[in-house]
Amino acid sequence: MTADDPTTRTLVIDGVVDFLSAPDVQRSGVELLTRPGVTRLVIDLSAVKFIDSSGLSVLVYLKGRCDERGVALALDNVPARARTLIDSLGLSTYFDLPD
């Protein structure tokens, strides 16, 4: 995870996002979005090899928490398989996704 500027934080997720790793991803995301002055959280999925329903649940949870706090959330570098899953579940309109 890296800080881009004082108002944007980036969470870089690496490897597998499943029921074992999802709680750590959730904790990291919440920690970043609750920092003072944060107005945008970017979740970089470029290094994700696999994501299951637990991982998608965490992304939905973080989006809800961001919405509650007035923080914009964007998914970046979404792998094709994850994008297909997000699209098939109708979540592509829920998330700010690059074209």
N, C-alpha and C. Protein backbone atom coordinates (compact mmCIF):
# COMPACT_ATOMS: atom_id res chain seq x y z
N MET A 1 0.84 -1.17 0.00
CA MET A 1 0.00 0.00 0.00
C MET A 1 0.89 1.23 0.00
N THR A 2 0.47 2.23 -0.73
CA THR A 2 1.26 3.44 -0.85
C THR A 2 0.37 4.66 -0.73
N ALA A 3 0.97 5.76 -0.35
CA ALA A 3 0.23 7.03 -0.29
C ALA A 3 0.54 7.81 -1.56
N ASP A 4 -0.48 8.24 -2.25
CA ASP A 4 -0.29 8.99 -3.49
C ASP A 4 -0.14 10.48 -3.19
N ASP A 5 -1.02 11.02 -2.39
CA ASP A 5 -1.01 12.41 -1.98
C ASP A 5 -1.80 12.48 -0.68
N PRO A 6 -1.90 13.62 -0.07
CA PRO A 6 -2.58 13.69 1.24
C PRO A 6 -4.05 13.28 1.22
N THR A 7 -4.71 13.35 0.07
CA THR A 7 -6.14 13.05 0.04
C THR A 7 -6.48 11.72 -0.63
N THR A 8 -5.52 11.12 -1.31
CA THR A 8 -5.74 9.84 -1.99
C THR A 8 -4.82 8.79 -1.40
N ARG A 9 -5.39 7.65 -1.12
CA ARG A 9 -4.60 6.51 -0.65
C ARG A 9 -4.83 5.35 -1.60
N THR A 10 -3.78 4.55 -1.80
CA THR A 10 -3.86 3.39 -2.67
C THR A 10 -3.56 2.13 -1.87
N LEU A 11 -4.46 1.17 -1.99
CA LEU A 11 -4.26 -0.15 -1.40
C LEU A 11 -3.91 -1.09 -2.53
N VAL A 12 -2.70 -1.63 -2.52
CA VAL A 12 -2.26 -2.58 -3.53
C VAL A 12 -2.47 -3.97 -2.96
N ILE A 13 -3.29 -4.75 -3.65
CA ILE A 13 -3.57 -6.12 -3.21
C ILE A 13 -2.76 -7.06 -4.09
N ASP A 14 -2.13 -8.04 -3.44
CA ASP A 14 -1.23 -8.96 -4.12
C ASP A 14 -1.66 -10.40 -3.88
N GLY A 15 -1.63 -11.21 -4.92
CA GLY A 15 -1.84 -12.64 -4.76
C GLY A 15 -3.30 -13.06 -4.78
N VAL A 16 -3.66 -13.84 -3.77
CA VAL A 16 -4.98 -14.45 -3.68
C VAL A 16 -5.82 -13.69 -2.66
N VAL A 17 -7.06 -13.37 -3.04
CA VAL A 17 -8.00 -12.73 -2.12
C VAL A 17 -9.15 -13.71 -1.93
N ASP A 18 -9.08 -14.44 -0.81
CA ASP A 18 -10.09 -15.44 -0.51
C ASP A 18 -10.49 -15.33 0.96
N PHE A 19 -11.19 -16.33 1.48
CA PHE A 19 -11.68 -16.24 2.85
C PHE A 19 -10.56 -16.14 3.88
N LEU A 20 -9.37 -16.58 3.53
CA LEU A 20 -8.24 -16.48 4.46
C LEU A 20 -7.62 -15.08 4.47
N SER A 21 -7.49 -14.48 3.31
CA SER A 21 -6.82 -13.18 3.21
C SER A 21 -7.77 -11.99 3.26
N ALA A 22 -9.05 -12.22 3.02
CA ALA A 22 -10.02 -11.13 2.96
C ALA A 22 -10.05 -10.27 4.23
N PRO A 23 -9.99 -10.86 5.43
CA PRO A 23 -9.99 -10.01 6.63
C PRO A 23 -8.81 -9.03 6.69
N ASP A 24 -7.64 -9.46 6.23
CA ASP A 24 -6.48 -8.57 6.21
C ASP A 24 -6.67 -7.44 5.21
N VAL A 25 -7.23 -7.76 4.05
CA VAL A 25 -7.51 -6.74 3.04
C VAL A 25 -8.51 -5.73 3.60
N GLN A 26 -9.54 -6.24 4.26
CA GLN A 26 -10.55 -5.35 4.84
C GLN A 26 -9.94 -4.42 5.88
N ARG A 27 -9.13 -4.97 6.78
CA ARG A 27 -8.47 -4.14 7.80
C ARG A 27 -7.61 -3.07 7.17
N SER A 28 -6.83 -3.45 6.17
CA SER A 28 -5.94 -2.48 5.51
C SER A 28 -6.74 -1.38 4.83
N GLY A 29 -7.82 -1.77 4.16
CA GLY A 29 -8.65 -0.78 3.48
C GLY A 29 -9.31 0.18 4.45
N VAL A 30 -9.86 -0.34 5.53
CA VAL A 30 -10.51 0.51 6.53
C VAL A 30 -9.49 1.46 7.16
N GLU A 31 -8.31 0.95 7.44
CA GLU A 31 -7.27 1.79 8.04
C GLU A 31 -6.93 2.96 7.12
N LEU A 32 -6.84 2.70 5.83
CA LEU A 32 -6.50 3.77 4.88
C LEU A 32 -7.64 4.78 4.74
N LEU A 33 -8.87 4.30 4.62
CA LEU A 33 -9.97 5.23 4.36
C LEU A 33 -10.36 6.05 5.57
N THR A 34 -9.94 5.62 6.75
CA THR A 34 -10.27 6.39 7.95
C THR A 34 -9.18 7.37 8.36
N ARG A 35 -8.13 7.46 7.58
CA ARG A 35 -7.10 8.45 7.88
C ARG A 35 -7.65 9.86 7.65
N PRO A 36 -7.24 10.79 8.49
CA PRO A 36 -7.74 12.17 8.33
C PRO A 36 -7.42 12.74 6.95
N GLY A 37 -8.40 13.40 6.36
CA GLY A 37 -8.19 14.10 5.10
C GLY A 37 -8.32 13.26 3.85
N VAL A 38 -8.54 11.95 3.98
CA VAL A 38 -8.64 11.09 2.81
C VAL A 38 -9.99 11.31 2.14
N THR A 39 -9.95 11.59 0.83
CA THR A 39 -11.18 11.78 0.06
C THR A 39 -11.33 10.74 -1.05
N ARG A 40 -10.27 9.94 -1.28
CA ARG A 40 -10.32 8.94 -2.35
C ARG A 40 -9.47 7.74 -1.97
N LEU A 41 -10.03 6.55 -2.13
CA LEU A 41 -9.31 5.31 -1.91
C LEU A 41 -9.27 4.56 -3.23
N VAL A 42 -8.08 4.23 -3.69
CA VAL A 42 -7.89 3.45 -4.90
C VAL A 42 -7.43 2.06 -4.49
N ILE A 43 -8.11 1.05 -5.02
CA ILE A 43 -7.69 -0.33 -4.76
C ILE A 43 -7.10 -0.87 -6.06
N ASP A 44 -5.79 -1.12 -6.01
CA ASP A 44 -5.05 -1.60 -7.18
C ASP A 44 -5.05 -3.13 -7.15
N LEU A 45 -5.67 -3.72 -8.15
CA LEU A 45 -5.81 -5.18 -8.22
C LEU A 45 -4.86 -5.81 -9.24
N SER A 46 -3.88 -5.06 -9.70
CA SER A 46 -3.00 -5.55 -10.78
C SER A 46 -2.26 -6.83 -10.43
N ALA A 47 -1.95 -7.04 -9.17
CA ALA A 47 -1.18 -8.23 -8.78
C ALA A 47 -2.06 -9.35 -8.23
N VAL A 48 -3.39 -9.21 -8.35
CA VAL A 48 -4.30 -10.25 -7.85
C VAL A 48 -4.31 -11.41 -8.84
N LYS A 49 -4.02 -12.60 -8.31
CA LYS A 49 -4.02 -13.81 -9.13
C LYS A 49 -5.37 -14.51 -9.08
N PHE A 50 -6.10 -14.35 -7.96
CA PHE A 50 -7.39 -15.01 -7.78
C PHE A 50 -8.20 -14.22 -6.76
N ILE A 51 -9.50 -14.08 -7.02
CA ILE A 51 -10.39 -13.45 -6.06
C ILE A 51 -11.68 -14.25 -6.06
N ASP A 52 -12.16 -14.57 -4.84
CA ASP A 52 -13.41 -15.32 -4.74
C ASP A 52 -14.49 -14.43 -4.14
N SER A 53 -15.61 -15.04 -3.77
CA SER A 53 -16.73 -14.26 -3.25
C SER A 53 -16.37 -13.53 -1.96
N SER A 54 -15.48 -14.08 -1.16
CA SER A 54 -15.04 -13.39 0.06
C SER A 54 -14.30 -12.11 -0.29
N GLY A 55 -13.47 -12.18 -1.31
CA GLY A 55 -12.75 -11.00 -1.76
C GLY A 55 -13.68 -9.94 -2.32
N LEU A 56 -14.65 -10.38 -3.12
CA LEU A 56 -15.62 -9.43 -3.66
C LEU A 56 -16.46 -8.82 -2.54
N SER A 57 -16.78 -9.62 -1.53
CA SER A 57 -17.55 -9.10 -0.39
C SER A 57 -16.78 -7.99 0.32
N VAL A 58 -15.48 -8.15 0.43
CA VAL A 58 -14.66 -7.12 1.06
C VAL A 58 -14.68 -5.84 0.22
N LEU A 59 -14.61 -5.97 -1.09
CA LEU A 59 -14.65 -4.79 -1.95
C LEU A 59 -15.99 -4.08 -1.80
N VAL A 60 -17.08 -4.84 -1.74
CA VAL A 60 -18.41 -4.24 -1.54
C VAL A 60 -18.47 -3.58 -0.17
N TYR A 61 -17.93 -4.23 0.85
CA TYR A 61 -17.91 -3.66 2.20
C TYR A 61 -17.14 -2.34 2.22
N LEU A 62 -15.97 -2.34 1.61
CA LEU A 62 -15.16 -1.12 1.59
C LEU A 62 -15.85 0.00 0.82
N LYS A 63 -16.55 -0.35 -0.25
CA LYS A 63 -17.31 0.66 -1.00
C LYS A 63 -18.38 1.28 -0.11
N GLY A 64 -19.07 0.46 0.64
CA GLY A 64 -20.09 0.97 1.56
C GLY A 64 -19.51 1.87 2.63
N ARG A 65 -18.39 1.46 3.19
CA ARG A 65 -17.72 2.29 4.21
C ARG A 65 -17.26 3.61 3.61
N CYS A 66 -16.74 3.56 2.38
CA CYS A 66 -16.32 4.80 1.71
C CYS A 66 -17.52 5.71 1.49
N ASP A 67 -18.62 5.14 1.03
CA ASP A 67 -19.82 5.94 0.79
C ASP A 67 -20.28 6.61 2.08
N GLU A 68 -20.24 5.88 3.19
CA GLU A 68 -20.64 6.44 4.49
C GLU A 68 -19.79 7.63 4.89
N ARG A 69 -18.52 7.59 4.55
CA ARG A 69 -17.57 8.63 4.96
C ARG A 69 -17.40 9.71 3.90
N GLY A 70 -18.06 9.58 2.77
CA GLY A 70 -17.88 10.56 1.69
C GLY A 70 -16.55 10.42 0.98
N VAL A 71 -16.00 9.22 0.99
CA VAL A 71 -14.73 8.93 0.34
C VAL A 71 -15.02 8.20 -0.97
N ALA A 72 -14.45 8.67 -2.06
CA ALA A 72 -14.61 7.99 -3.35
C ALA A 72 -13.75 6.74 -3.37
N LEU A 73 -14.28 5.66 -3.93
CA LEU A 73 -13.51 4.43 -4.06
C LEU A 73 -13.42 4.08 -5.54
N ALA A 74 -12.22 3.73 -5.98
CA ALA A 74 -12.01 3.31 -7.37
C ALA A 74 -11.22 2.02 -7.39
N LEU A 75 -11.61 1.11 -8.25
CA LEU A 75 -10.82 -0.11 -8.49
C LEU A 75 -9.95 0.16 -9.70
N ASP A 76 -8.69 -0.19 -9.59
CA ASP A 76 -7.73 0.09 -10.66
C ASP A 76 -7.02 -1.19 -11.06
N ASN A 77 -6.65 -1.29 -12.33
CA ASN A 77 -5.91 -2.43 -12.85
C ASN A 77 -6.61 -3.75 -12.54
N VAL A 78 -7.89 -3.80 -12.84
CA VAL A 78 -8.70 -4.98 -12.55
C VAL A 78 -8.37 -6.08 -13.56
N PRO A 79 -7.89 -7.24 -13.10
CA PRO A 79 -7.58 -8.33 -14.03
C PRO A 79 -8.85 -8.78 -14.78
N ALA A 80 -8.66 -9.32 -15.97
CA ALA A 80 -9.79 -9.71 -16.83
C ALA A 80 -10.73 -10.68 -16.12
N ARG A 81 -10.21 -11.66 -15.42
CA ARG A 81 -11.07 -12.64 -14.74
C ARG A 81 -11.91 -11.97 -13.65
N ALA A 82 -11.28 -11.08 -12.90
CA ALA A 82 -12.01 -10.37 -11.84
C ALA A 82 -13.05 -9.45 -12.46
N ARG A 83 -12.72 -8.81 -13.56
CA ARG A 83 -13.66 -7.91 -14.24
C ARG A 83 -14.87 -8.69 -14.74
N THR A 84 -14.63 -9.88 -15.29
CA THR A 84 -15.73 -10.73 -15.76
C THR A 84 -16.66 -11.10 -14.61
N LEU A 85 -16.08 -11.44 -13.47
CA LEU A 85 -16.87 -11.79 -12.29
C LEU A 85 -17.67 -10.59 -11.79
N ILE A 86 -17.02 -9.45 -11.72
CA ILE A 86 -17.69 -8.21 -11.28
C ILE A 86 -18.84 -7.87 -12.23
N ASP A 87 -18.59 -7.97 -13.53
CA ASP A 87 -19.63 -7.68 -14.52
C ASP A 87 -20.79 -8.67 -14.42
N SER A 88 -20.47 -9.95 -14.27
CA SER A 88 -21.53 -10.97 -14.24
C SER A 88 -22.41 -10.85 -13.01
N LEU A 89 -21.89 -10.27 -11.93
CA LEU A 89 -22.66 -10.08 -10.72
C LEU A 89 -23.39 -8.73 -10.70
N GLY A 90 -23.23 -7.96 -11.76
CA GLY A 90 -23.89 -6.66 -11.84
C GLY A 90 -23.25 -5.60 -10.96
N LEU A 91 -22.00 -5.80 -10.58
CA LEU A 91 -21.31 -4.85 -9.70
C LEU A 91 -20.53 -3.79 -10.46
N SER A 92 -20.47 -3.90 -11.78
CA SER A 92 -19.67 -2.93 -12.54
C SER A 92 -20.25 -1.51 -12.47
N THR A 93 -21.55 -1.40 -12.23
CA THR A 93 -22.13 -0.06 -12.06
C THR A 93 -21.99 0.44 -10.63
N TYR A 94 -21.73 -0.47 -9.71
CA TYR A 94 -21.56 -0.11 -8.29
C TYR A 94 -20.18 0.50 -8.04
N PHE A 95 -19.18 -0.02 -8.74
CA PHE A 95 -17.81 0.43 -8.56
C PHE A 95 -17.41 1.42 -9.65
N ASP A 96 -16.47 2.31 -9.32
CA ASP A 96 -15.84 3.18 -10.30
C ASP A 96 -14.74 2.37 -10.97
N LEU A 97 -15.05 1.86 -12.16
CA LEU A 97 -14.10 1.01 -12.88
C LEU A 97 -13.60 1.70 -14.13
N PRO A 98 -12.31 1.53 -14.44
CA PRO A 98 -11.81 2.08 -15.69
C PRO A 98 -12.39 1.30 -16.86
N ASP A 99 -12.55 1.96 -18.00
CA ASP A 99 -13.10 1.29 -19.19
C ASP A 99 -12.15 0.28 -19.77
